[in-house]
Structure formats: C-alpha cells, structure tokens
Protein backbone atom coordinates (compact mmCIF):
# COMPACT_ATOMS: atom_id res chain seq x y z
CA MET A 1 -1.90 -8.06 131.57
CA ASN A 2 0.35 -5.89 129.39
CA LYS A 3 3.76 -7.51 129.47
CA TRP A 4 5.43 -4.89 127.24
CA SER A 5 8.74 -3.50 128.43
CA PRO A 6 11.45 -1.46 126.71
CA PHE A 7 13.95 -4.22 127.56
CA ARG A 8 11.92 -6.82 125.70
CA SER A 9 11.36 -4.52 122.72
CA ILE A 10 15.07 -3.75 122.40
CA SER A 11 15.97 -7.43 122.50
CA LEU A 12 13.28 -8.61 120.10
CA VAL A 13 13.94 -5.86 117.55
CA TYR A 14 17.65 -6.70 117.48
CA VAL A 15 16.79 -10.38 117.02
CA GLY A 16 14.49 -9.40 114.16
CA ILE A 17 17.20 -7.31 112.48
CA ILE A 18 19.68 -10.18 112.85
CA LEU A 19 17.27 -12.64 111.22
CA PHE A 20 16.57 -10.17 108.42
CA GLY A 21 20.33 -9.80 107.89
CA THR A 22 20.70 -13.58 107.85
CA ILE A 23 18.18 -13.82 105.02
CA LEU A 24 20.05 -11.14 103.06
CA LEU A 25 23.38 -12.95 103.45
CA LEU A 26 21.84 -16.26 102.36
CA LEU A 27 20.85 -14.76 99.00
CA PRO A 28 22.93 -16.02 96.04
CA ILE A 29 23.95 -12.43 95.23
CA SER A 30 25.54 -12.00 98.67
CA SER A 31 28.09 -14.77 98.96
CA LYS A 32 29.80 -17.66 97.23
CA GLY A 33 27.84 -20.16 99.28
CA ILE A 34 27.21 -19.97 103.00
CA SER A 35 25.41 -22.17 105.51
CA PHE A 36 22.57 -20.90 107.70
CA ILE A 37 24.61 -21.00 110.92
CA ASN A 38 27.47 -19.06 109.30
CA ALA A 39 25.06 -16.51 107.83
CA LEU A 40 23.39 -16.13 111.24
CA PHE A 41 26.81 -15.75 112.88
CA THR A 42 27.92 -13.10 110.37
CA SER A 43 24.66 -11.16 110.65
CA THR A 44 24.83 -11.22 114.45
CA SER A 45 28.46 -10.12 114.42
CA ALA A 46 27.57 -7.21 112.10
CA VAL A 47 24.42 -6.04 113.91
CA CYS A 48 26.16 -6.39 117.29
CA VAL A 49 29.19 -4.55 115.82
CA THR A 50 31.52 -7.31 116.97
CA GLY A 51 33.77 -8.29 114.09
CA LEU A 52 34.26 -12.00 114.78
CA ILE A 53 34.13 -13.76 111.41
CA VAL A 54 33.68 -17.34 110.29
CA LYS A 55 33.89 -16.33 106.64
CA ASP A 56 36.52 -14.10 105.05
CA THR A 57 34.69 -10.82 104.42
CA ALA A 58 37.04 -9.90 101.60
CA THR A 59 36.82 -13.10 99.56
CA ASP A 60 33.70 -15.02 100.63
CA PHE A 61 31.22 -12.20 100.09
CA THR A 62 30.34 -10.41 96.88
CA PHE A 63 30.25 -6.64 96.51
CA THR A 64 26.53 -6.80 97.29
CA GLY A 65 27.17 -9.00 100.32
CA LYS A 66 29.70 -6.51 101.66
CA GLY A 67 27.07 -3.80 101.13
CA PHE A 68 24.57 -5.77 103.22
CA ILE A 69 27.18 -6.21 105.97
CA LEU A 70 27.89 -2.47 105.89
CA PHE A 71 24.16 -1.75 106.18
CA LEU A 72 23.88 -4.04 109.22
CA LEU A 73 26.97 -2.42 110.77
CA GLN A 74 25.41 1.01 110.43
CA ILE A 75 22.15 -0.02 112.09
CA GLY A 76 23.98 -1.78 114.90
CA GLY A 77 26.40 1.08 115.46
CA MET A 78 23.85 3.89 115.65
CA GLY A 79 21.22 1.81 117.39
CA TYR A 80 17.98 1.00 115.64
CA MET A 81 16.05 3.84 117.29
CA ALA A 82 18.53 6.39 115.95
CA PHE A 83 18.30 4.74 112.54
CA ALA A 84 14.51 4.89 112.75
CA SER A 85 14.68 8.61 113.56
CA LEU A 86 15.84 9.17 109.96
CA PHE A 87 12.45 8.03 108.73
CA MET A 88 10.67 9.93 111.50
CA THR A 89 12.36 13.10 110.30
CA ILE A 90 11.56 12.42 106.64
CA PHE A 91 7.88 11.74 107.34
CA ARG A 92 7.65 14.40 110.08
CA MET A 93 6.78 11.90 112.77
CA ARG A 94 7.54 12.04 116.47
CA PRO A 95 8.34 9.05 118.71
CA ASP A 96 5.48 7.90 120.91
CA LYS A 97 5.77 7.11 124.63
CA ARG A 98 6.99 3.57 124.05
CA GLN A 99 9.60 4.67 121.52
CA ASN A 100 10.82 7.33 123.95
CA LEU A 101 11.24 4.70 126.68
CA ILE A 102 13.10 2.38 124.31
CA ALA A 103 15.47 5.16 123.23
CA GLN A 104 16.06 6.22 126.84
CA GLU A 105 16.93 2.65 127.80
CA GLU A 106 19.09 2.03 124.73
CA PHE A 107 21.19 5.17 125.18
CA GLY A 108 20.90 5.64 128.94
CA LEU A 109 18.99 8.92 128.67
CA PHE A 110 17.15 10.72 131.44
CA SER A 111 13.40 11.14 131.16
CA ARG A 112 13.78 14.90 130.79
CA ASP A 113 15.91 14.56 127.65
CA ASN A 114 14.36 15.45 124.30
CA THR A 115 14.48 11.98 122.75
CA LEU A 116 13.94 12.89 119.09
CA ARG A 117 16.47 15.71 119.31
CA PHE A 118 19.01 13.34 120.83
CA LEU A 119 18.38 10.67 118.16
CA ARG A 120 18.86 13.26 115.42
CA MET A 121 22.09 14.29 117.09
CA VAL A 122 23.23 10.64 117.07
CA VAL A 123 22.61 10.42 113.33
CA PHE A 124 24.35 13.74 112.64
CA VAL A 125 27.39 12.88 114.80
CA THR A 126 27.67 9.40 113.28
CA PHE A 127 27.63 10.62 109.69
CA THR A 128 29.97 13.53 110.51
CA PHE A 129 32.63 11.28 112.04
CA GLU A 130 32.21 8.72 109.28
CA MET A 131 32.68 11.43 106.64
CA ILE A 132 35.86 12.63 108.35
CA GLY A 133 37.03 9.04 108.60
CA PHE A 134 36.26 8.43 104.92
CA ILE A 135 38.42 11.38 103.84
CA LEU A 136 41.35 10.27 106.00
CA PHE A 137 41.06 6.60 105.06
CA TYR A 138 40.79 7.52 101.38
CA SER A 139 44.02 9.50 101.70
CA GLY A 140 45.67 6.40 103.14
CA PHE A 141 44.30 3.94 100.57
CA ARG A 142 44.68 6.15 97.50
CA GLY A 143 48.34 5.28 97.01
CA SER A 144 47.68 1.53 97.09
CA PHE A 145 44.46 1.13 95.10
CA PRO A 146 42.67 2.61 92.08
CA ARG A 147 40.27 5.45 92.88
CA ASP A 148 37.07 3.36 92.94
CA GLN A 149 38.57 0.68 95.17
CA ALA A 150 40.08 3.28 97.51
CA ILE A 151 36.64 4.89 97.90
CA ALA A 152 34.96 1.55 98.62
CA HIS A 153 37.58 0.51 101.19
CA ALA A 154 37.50 3.95 102.82
CA ILE A 155 33.70 3.91 103.21
CA PHE A 156 33.69 0.38 104.62
CA HIS A 157 36.45 1.00 107.16
CA SER A 158 35.13 4.40 108.22
CA VAL A 159 31.72 2.99 109.12
CA SER A 160 33.23 -0.12 110.68
CA ALA A 161 35.71 1.89 112.78
CA PHE A 162 33.31 4.49 114.18
CA CYS A 163 30.74 1.77 114.90
CA ASN A 164 33.47 -0.18 116.74
CA ALA A 165 32.77 -3.18 114.52
CA GLY A 166 36.21 -4.45 113.48
CA PHE A 167 35.02 -5.78 110.11
CA SER A 168 37.56 -5.21 107.36
CA SER A 169 37.31 -5.51 103.60
CA PHE A 170 40.86 -6.94 103.64
CA SER A 171 41.59 -10.57 104.45
CA THR A 172 44.50 -9.59 106.70
CA ASN A 173 42.59 -6.73 108.39
CA LEU A 174 44.89 -3.67 108.61
CA THR A 175 48.20 -5.50 109.12
CA LYS A 176 49.53 -4.42 105.71
CA PHE A 177 49.07 -0.76 106.63
CA ALA A 178 51.00 -0.73 109.91
CA ASP A 179 53.36 1.92 108.47
CA ASN A 180 50.62 4.17 107.10
CA PRO A 181 49.74 6.93 109.62
CA PHE A 182 46.49 7.76 107.78
CA ILE A 183 45.33 4.25 108.68
CA THR A 184 46.99 3.62 112.05
CA LEU A 185 45.82 6.94 113.51
CA THR A 186 42.45 7.35 111.78
CA ALA A 187 41.07 4.01 112.96
CA PRO A 188 41.81 4.62 116.69
CA PHE A 189 40.49 8.17 116.40
CA LEU A 190 37.17 6.85 115.11
CA PHE A 191 36.68 3.92 117.45
CA ILE A 192 37.79 5.89 120.53
CA CYS A 193 35.25 8.63 119.70
CA GLY A 194 32.54 6.06 118.98
CA GLY A 195 33.35 4.24 122.21
CA LEU A 196 33.08 7.39 124.35
CA GLY A 197 29.32 7.41 123.85
CA PHE A 198 26.97 9.92 122.26
CA ILE A 199 26.14 11.44 125.65
CA VAL A 200 29.80 12.38 126.18
CA LEU A 201 30.17 13.62 122.60
CA ARG A 202 27.09 15.81 123.09
CA ASP A 203 28.54 17.13 126.36
CA ILE A 204 31.90 17.95 124.76
CA SER A 205 30.18 19.68 121.84
CA ALA A 206 28.08 21.80 124.21
CA ARG A 207 31.22 22.72 126.15
CA PHE A 208 33.05 23.91 123.03
CA ARG A 209 30.01 25.85 121.82
CA GLY A 210 29.92 27.66 125.16
CA GLU A 211 26.51 26.30 126.14
CA ARG A 212 27.90 25.02 129.43
CA ARG A 213 30.96 25.87 131.50
CA TYR A 214 31.90 22.42 132.72
CA LEU A 215 31.64 18.84 131.61
CA SER A 216 29.21 16.61 133.50
CA GLU A 217 30.48 14.15 136.12
CA HIS A 218 29.59 11.33 133.75
CA SER A 219 31.76 12.77 130.96
CA LYS A 220 34.67 13.43 133.31
CA ILE A 221 34.59 9.84 134.57
CA VAL A 222 34.37 8.41 131.05
CA LEU A 223 37.19 10.57 129.66
CA SER A 224 39.58 10.05 132.58
CA THR A 225 38.92 6.29 132.72
CA THR A 226 39.31 5.91 128.95
CA LEU A 227 42.60 7.82 128.97
CA SER A 228 43.93 5.81 131.92
CA LEU A 229 43.07 2.47 130.29
CA ILE A 230 44.67 3.48 126.99
CA ILE A 231 47.89 4.60 128.67
CA PHE A 232 47.98 1.47 130.83
CA GLY A 233 47.37 -0.84 127.88
CA THR A 234 49.92 0.86 125.64
CA ILE A 235 52.68 0.62 128.24
CA VAL A 236 51.92 -3.02 129.06
CA VAL A 237 51.81 -4.12 125.40
CA TYR A 238 55.04 -2.24 124.64
CA LEU A 239 56.93 -3.78 127.56
CA LEU A 240 55.60 -7.32 127.16
CA GLU A 241 55.85 -7.57 123.38
CA TYR A 242 59.07 -5.56 122.94
CA GLY A 243 61.10 -8.70 122.32
CA ASN A 244 58.24 -10.80 120.92
CA ALA A 245 55.63 -9.52 118.44
CA LEU A 246 57.37 -6.12 118.19
CA ALA A 247 60.92 -7.45 118.06
CA ASN A 248 61.67 -6.57 114.43
CA LYS A 249 59.87 -3.22 114.41
CA PRO A 250 61.51 0.23 114.63
CA THR A 251 60.87 2.22 117.80
CA LEU A 252 58.18 4.46 116.33
CA ALA A 253 56.34 1.45 114.90
CA LYS A 254 56.55 -0.31 118.27
CA ILE A 255 54.89 2.66 119.97
CA THR A 256 52.23 3.00 117.26
CA ILE A 257 51.36 -0.71 117.26
CA SER A 258 51.33 -0.81 121.08
CA PHE A 259 48.93 2.15 121.15
CA PHE A 260 46.72 0.60 118.46
CA THR A 261 46.71 -2.80 120.17
CA ALA A 262 45.79 -1.19 123.51
CA THR A 263 42.89 0.83 122.08
CA THR A 264 41.35 -1.79 119.80
CA PRO A 265 40.20 -4.10 122.67
CA ARG A 266 37.93 -1.24 123.74
CA THR A 267 35.46 -3.04 121.39
CA ALA A 268 36.97 -2.03 118.04
CA GLY A 269 38.46 -5.32 116.83
CA PHE A 270 40.93 -4.04 114.23
CA SER A 271 44.51 -5.29 114.35
CA LEU A 272 47.93 -4.33 113.00
CA ILE A 273 49.63 -7.54 114.17
CA ASN A 274 48.72 -11.20 114.55
CA ILE A 275 46.86 -11.39 117.89
CA GLY A 276 47.56 -15.11 118.11
CA ALA A 277 51.29 -14.37 118.26
CA LEU A 278 51.03 -12.33 121.47
CA LEU A 279 52.26 -13.69 124.80
CA PRO A 280 49.65 -15.26 127.12
CA THR A 281 50.19 -12.41 129.60
CA SER A 282 49.39 -9.87 126.87
CA LEU A 283 46.28 -11.83 125.91
CA LEU A 284 45.09 -11.81 129.53
CA MET A 285 45.55 -8.04 129.66
CA LEU A 286 43.53 -7.69 126.45
CA VAL A 287 40.82 -9.90 128.01
CA LEU A 288 40.55 -7.41 130.88
CA LEU A 289 40.29 -4.45 128.49
CA MET A 290 37.70 -6.25 126.35
CA PHE A 291 35.65 -7.10 129.43
CA ILE A 292 35.57 -3.44 130.49
CA GLY A 293 34.79 -2.29 126.96
CA ALA A 294 33.53 1.12 125.90
CA SER A 295 31.26 3.65 127.61
CA PRO A 296 27.46 3.89 128.01
CA GLY A 297 25.41 5.18 125.10
CA GLY A 298 28.13 4.49 122.55
CA THR A 299 28.84 2.00 119.79
CA GLY A 300 30.80 -0.50 121.92
CA GLY A 301 30.08 -3.30 124.37
CA GLY A 302 31.55 -4.64 127.62
CA ILE A 303 30.49 -3.81 131.16
CA LYS A 304 31.40 -0.18 130.34
CA THR A 305 33.97 2.17 131.86
CA THR A 306 31.50 3.66 134.33
CA THR A 307 30.62 0.24 135.74
CA PHE A 308 34.30 -0.56 136.13
CA ILE A 309 35.10 2.67 137.96
CA ILE A 310 32.05 2.37 140.26
CA VAL A 311 32.95 -1.21 141.21
CA ARG A 312 36.57 -0.24 141.77
CA SER A 313 35.53 2.69 143.96
CA PHE A 314 33.10 0.44 145.86
CA ILE A 315 35.89 -2.06 146.66
CA ILE A 316 38.26 0.72 147.75
CA SER A 317 35.55 2.27 149.96
CA LYS A 318 34.86 -1.04 151.70
CA ILE A 319 38.55 -1.72 152.25
CA ARG A 320 38.95 1.72 153.82
CA GLY A 321 35.80 1.31 155.90
CA ILE A 322 33.94 4.15 154.17
CA LYS A 323 30.18 3.66 153.91
CA SER A 324 29.55 5.81 150.84
CA VAL A 325 31.07 5.32 147.38
CA ASN A 326 32.67 8.54 146.14
CA ILE A 327 34.10 9.38 142.71
CA LYS A 328 35.73 12.74 142.00
CA LYS A 329 34.23 14.30 145.13
CA ARG A 330 30.75 13.11 144.20
CA ARG A 331 28.74 10.40 145.98
CA VAL A 332 27.43 7.52 143.89
CA SER A 333 23.89 6.53 144.83
CA GLU A 334 23.22 3.11 146.34
CA GLU A 335 20.98 2.30 143.38
CA GLN A 336 23.81 2.94 140.90
CA VAL A 337 26.26 0.89 142.97
CA ASN A 338 23.82 -2.03 143.14
CA LYS A 339 23.21 -1.81 139.39
CA ALA A 340 26.94 -1.83 138.66
CA LEU A 341 27.55 -4.82 140.96
CA THR A 342 24.58 -6.68 139.45
CA LEU A 343 25.85 -6.01 135.93
CA LEU A 344 29.32 -7.24 136.88
CA LEU A 345 27.94 -10.42 138.47
CA ILE A 346 25.59 -11.24 135.57
CA SER A 347 28.41 -10.64 133.07
CA LEU A 348 30.78 -12.94 134.93
CA ILE A 349 28.08 -15.63 135.22
CA LEU A 350 27.30 -15.35 131.49
CA ILE A 351 30.95 -15.58 130.44
CA GLY A 352 31.70 -18.38 132.92
CA THR A 353 28.70 -20.40 131.74
CA MET A 354 29.58 -19.97 128.07
CA VAL A 355 33.23 -20.84 128.63
CA GLY A 356 32.12 -23.96 130.48
CA ILE A 357 29.87 -25.01 127.59
CA LEU A 358 32.52 -24.20 124.98
CA SER A 359 35.20 -26.09 126.88
CA PHE A 360 32.98 -29.17 126.47
CA THR A 361 31.68 -28.69 122.91
CA GLU A 362 35.10 -27.56 121.64
CA ARG A 363 37.22 -29.87 123.81
CA ASP A 364 39.45 -30.79 120.85
CA ILE A 365 40.51 -27.14 120.59
CA VAL A 366 41.06 -26.99 124.36
CA HIS A 367 43.27 -30.10 124.21
CA GLU A 368 45.26 -28.65 121.33
CA ARG A 369 45.59 -24.97 122.32
CA GLY A 370 44.50 -24.74 125.95
CA ILE A 371 41.58 -22.84 127.49
CA LEU A 372 42.94 -19.29 126.98
CA PRO A 373 41.94 -18.98 123.28
CA ILE A 374 38.39 -20.09 124.20
CA VAL A 375 38.21 -17.51 127.01
CA PHE A 376 39.63 -14.84 124.69
CA GLU A 377 37.03 -15.61 121.99
CA GLU A 378 34.15 -15.58 124.49
CA VAL A 379 35.15 -12.28 126.12
CA SER A 380 35.73 -10.79 122.67
CA ALA A 381 32.14 -11.74 121.79
CA PHE A 382 30.79 -10.35 125.05
CA GLY A 383 32.65 -7.06 124.62
CA THR A 384 31.57 -6.94 120.94
CA VAL A 385 35.27 -6.55 120.12
CA GLY A 386 36.08 -8.99 117.34
CA LEU A 387 39.71 -9.76 118.23
CA SER A 388 40.61 -13.43 118.01
CA THR A 389 43.63 -15.67 118.31
CA GLY A 390 42.60 -17.06 114.93
CA SER A 391 41.54 -20.31 113.33
CA THR A 392 43.95 -23.21 112.91
CA LYS A 393 41.99 -24.58 109.96
CA ARG A 394 41.78 -21.49 107.77
CA LEU A 395 43.72 -18.26 107.54
CA ASN A 396 42.19 -14.83 108.14
CA VAL A 397 39.11 -15.93 110.11
CA SER A 398 38.32 -16.08 113.81
CA LEU A 399 38.70 -19.10 116.08
CA SER A 400 34.89 -19.38 115.99
CA HIS A 401 35.31 -20.78 112.48
CA ASP A 402 36.61 -23.98 114.08
CA PHE A 403 33.69 -24.27 116.50
CA SER A 404 30.81 -26.70 116.15
CA SER A 405 27.33 -25.37 115.39
CA VAL A 406 26.52 -25.43 119.11
CA GLY A 407 29.73 -23.53 119.87
CA LYS A 408 28.92 -20.90 117.24
CA LEU A 409 25.43 -20.56 118.70
CA MET A 410 26.94 -19.87 122.13
CA ILE A 411 29.08 -17.10 120.64
CA ILE A 412 26.00 -15.71 118.84
CA ILE A 413 24.08 -15.53 122.11
CA THR A 414 27.06 -13.87 123.79
CA MET A 415 27.39 -11.24 121.05
CA LEU A 416 23.69 -10.41 121.35
CA ALA A 417 23.96 -10.15 125.13
CA GLY A 418 27.01 -7.92 124.78
CA ARG A 419 25.24 -5.57 122.36
CA ILE A 420 21.94 -5.11 124.18
CA GLY A 421 23.54 -5.40 127.61
CA PRO A 422 23.39 -8.27 130.13
CA LEU A 423 20.90 -6.37 132.32
CA THR A 424 18.56 -5.88 129.38
CA LEU A 425 18.80 -9.55 128.48
CA ALA A 426 18.14 -10.58 132.07
CA ALA A 427 15.17 -8.21 132.31
CA MET A 428 13.69 -9.73 129.16
CA VAL A 429 13.79 -13.33 130.35
CA MET A 430 13.03 -12.80 134.04
CA LYS A 431 9.50 -12.39 135.36
CA LYS A 432 8.96 -9.07 137.07
CA GLU A 433 7.55 -9.47 140.55
CA GLY A 434 5.30 -7.05 142.36
CA PRO A 435 6.38 -4.80 145.22
CA GLU A 436 7.74 -6.54 148.27
CA SER A 437 4.87 -6.86 150.78
CA LEU A 438 6.70 -8.59 153.63
CA LYS A 439 9.92 -7.66 155.35
CA TYR A 440 11.67 -10.67 156.83
CA PRO A 441 14.00 -10.51 159.85
CA PRO A 442 17.68 -10.08 158.95
CA ALA A 443 19.76 -13.22 158.48
CA LYS A 444 22.97 -13.74 160.43
CA VAL A 445 25.46 -15.17 157.95
CA GLN A 446 29.21 -15.40 158.43
CA ILE A 447 31.22 -13.89 155.57
CA GLY A 448 34.85 -14.69 154.84
C-alpha cells in the first residue's frame, strides 16, 4: 500500500532540512563551540522562522555561522517548495503531481492554481521585499556602522524580518535603535507584509494591476482582521505600559514602541524593549496575539487569522441561534468550520501538553518565576514568534537557554508543529481510515 501523503512529505522534508542545518552549525567554522541539542535548537528555530535562541547569534556564531543561519531562515521563510522552484526554473523543470500537491498543501492553494507560476511569484515577491528592506535597513545602520558592517546587518535583518524570523545580528536585538525610524518602521513593514501571506499579496498585486476589480473574500478577511488586531494590540500596550516599560519615553516613542510591540507577536519576534519587563497583563495579551499568529500561506505561524475569525463567527452564530456561520455577508462551509475548530482544539491540546511537561521538567523555573514565562515561551514557539521573557542565567538569550535537554526538545517539537501546522503534524502521525461504512444511531448526551 502506498502510504505517501503531502502532509508526511512536508513534515519529513522540514525535519531533513533541520538536521542538515544542525550539521552545518556543528562545524568548527560555524560557532565557538556548541552542543548537539543547542545546534538542533538553533537550526529548528531558523528553519521554522521562530527566533528563540539558546546561543547569542551575535557573539556565539562566526560570520560563516551567521551565513548558515541566514540560509536556513530563507528556506524556512519561503517554504522549501518555493526554494526548490529556483532550481526548477534554472534547469527548466516542472513540478510533478506529488510536488504540486505538496505546494498546494504548504501554501493553501486550490487545485486549479498554476503551482509553478505561484512558486515563482513567491520567490520574486520575497526577494523584492527583502531588497526594499535591505535599502531601508542600510539607511538606518549606515550612520552607526562602517559600510561593510551596515550592509551585512541590513541583509540579515531584511531576510529575518520578511521571513518573520526574529533573529538579529545584535545581542540586544533592535533595542538600541528604538529612536531610528528607518529601523522601527521598516521591520514592521516587512513582517506585516510577510505575515499577510503570499496569496493575499498576489491578490493585492492583481488588484493594483487592474487584473481584477475586487479583492477576494479571503484577502478582505485577512486584511481587516490583521488591521483590527494591530490596532487593538497597540492601544492595549500603550495603556498598560504607559507608566511601566514606557514610563521614561517621550510620547512619540511610546506610540512607536507600542505599535512595534503589538505587531511583533504576529510571529515576527523582534523587540524594541525588554519583554521580560512588561506587566503580566501585557504578557497575556501578547500570548493571545502569538497564538493567533499570521495568515495562511505566509511566513508566520499560529492558528492563523482566518481560523480565529471563523471560530469567533461560529461562537457568535451559536449564541444568536443562527445555524450558518457568516463572515462579511458570505457563508462559511461546514467543512471549513470543522477544520478551524479542529485546528483550534489540536493547538490547545499541543500547547497544554507541552506546558504540562515543561512545568515538570523545568519546575525550578516555575518555582522561581511562576508558570507565565513557561506559557509565554511555549506559545512563542508554537506561533513561531521568538519573543521571550529572557534567561536568568545569561543575558540576551531566550528562557529556553535555562531549560533542560528534555525541555529544549519540547520547544523544538513545538516550533516544528507551529511551522508545518498542527493539522499537518496530526495527519502525518495518525493512520488514515477508510470511508465510514456504518452509520450508528445518534447518541443522546447532555451538554452544559
């Protein structure tokens, strides 16, 4: 029996890339000494475009090591099928049926879409945004570094930002550039665009070129939900942290930092302030934003904006006694509703299980700092965000640095699940059953 499935291929290829990256980072030319578990963690964080670090990227890795991390970020951000399309184009190859199915599953395409054309578009859009980001970042770094260093930092941060990775070539991330608009505005511009998803970017491009009169329902939902979450997050951070983390900042800086802090949990992972200094209420709000994450077919993780809006609409419909689920005067199919609810449930089970394991393996941290930092780290891994309340044993690294090997392995598994999607992971490990042959009588079960 042929047990091949696009879900299994996606998962296994990403595992293969992660192991290949681990080998690269273990090479003497890559770092100043790194253990296998830390190399595996770093490779997973890069390929899954997360940004959680157990080693300081700026000081613990050589120039070559940073280059390897950048290479892994690029593969993870574009998706390996889009990366592979570069070679297909060079050698004039076309994806076969299996490769088409993998690409459709990875980016959420319809069967009627021209897969190779879409993959080429992904590559073109990625490099275009990264080139724009490089120019803007270079303008911001040029006054602080020599020309060669400014170029290197600009390339690294442009790729990391558009791929929603959160890796930085600075030990303190972007905190030293909180007053530089070329940095504080360029980074959100890149990771918001990357988080919208390539399907939405294609739709917007077609709209501006006049190829279609209106945006698709999918794009409208993604754009409106993204805007609403950004506005909500900015206002909440500003109000909560006005007298705390933002207390000594001028008004304009408070607004800029609040905006940046509200957008970065959408799977970007960059920071302008110390996340560990935020109030617990602010951290809980960031947990919610990280859990929702980016949008389908993009460079970010989380349950996605569309899942969030479908589940929200489902709950509202049931409260109002409406049978169908409607969004923007359009009915959502029962299949899509069931998929969204399943994704939500699997995600909650995954996070709950991992937090339970981590609360046992890292019980010293729980006793010292409480459970919230553990939850924050786990959801950050699931949403492939990279934000962290920080290590207590070493500056400029994530809380995962303090975890045991088992704890780090749990975060690694979570990052992988967040990148390929919980449904894909579940489909890989679960045995597919045949069509249902018997219909049983309905069960009478009391609810509530």
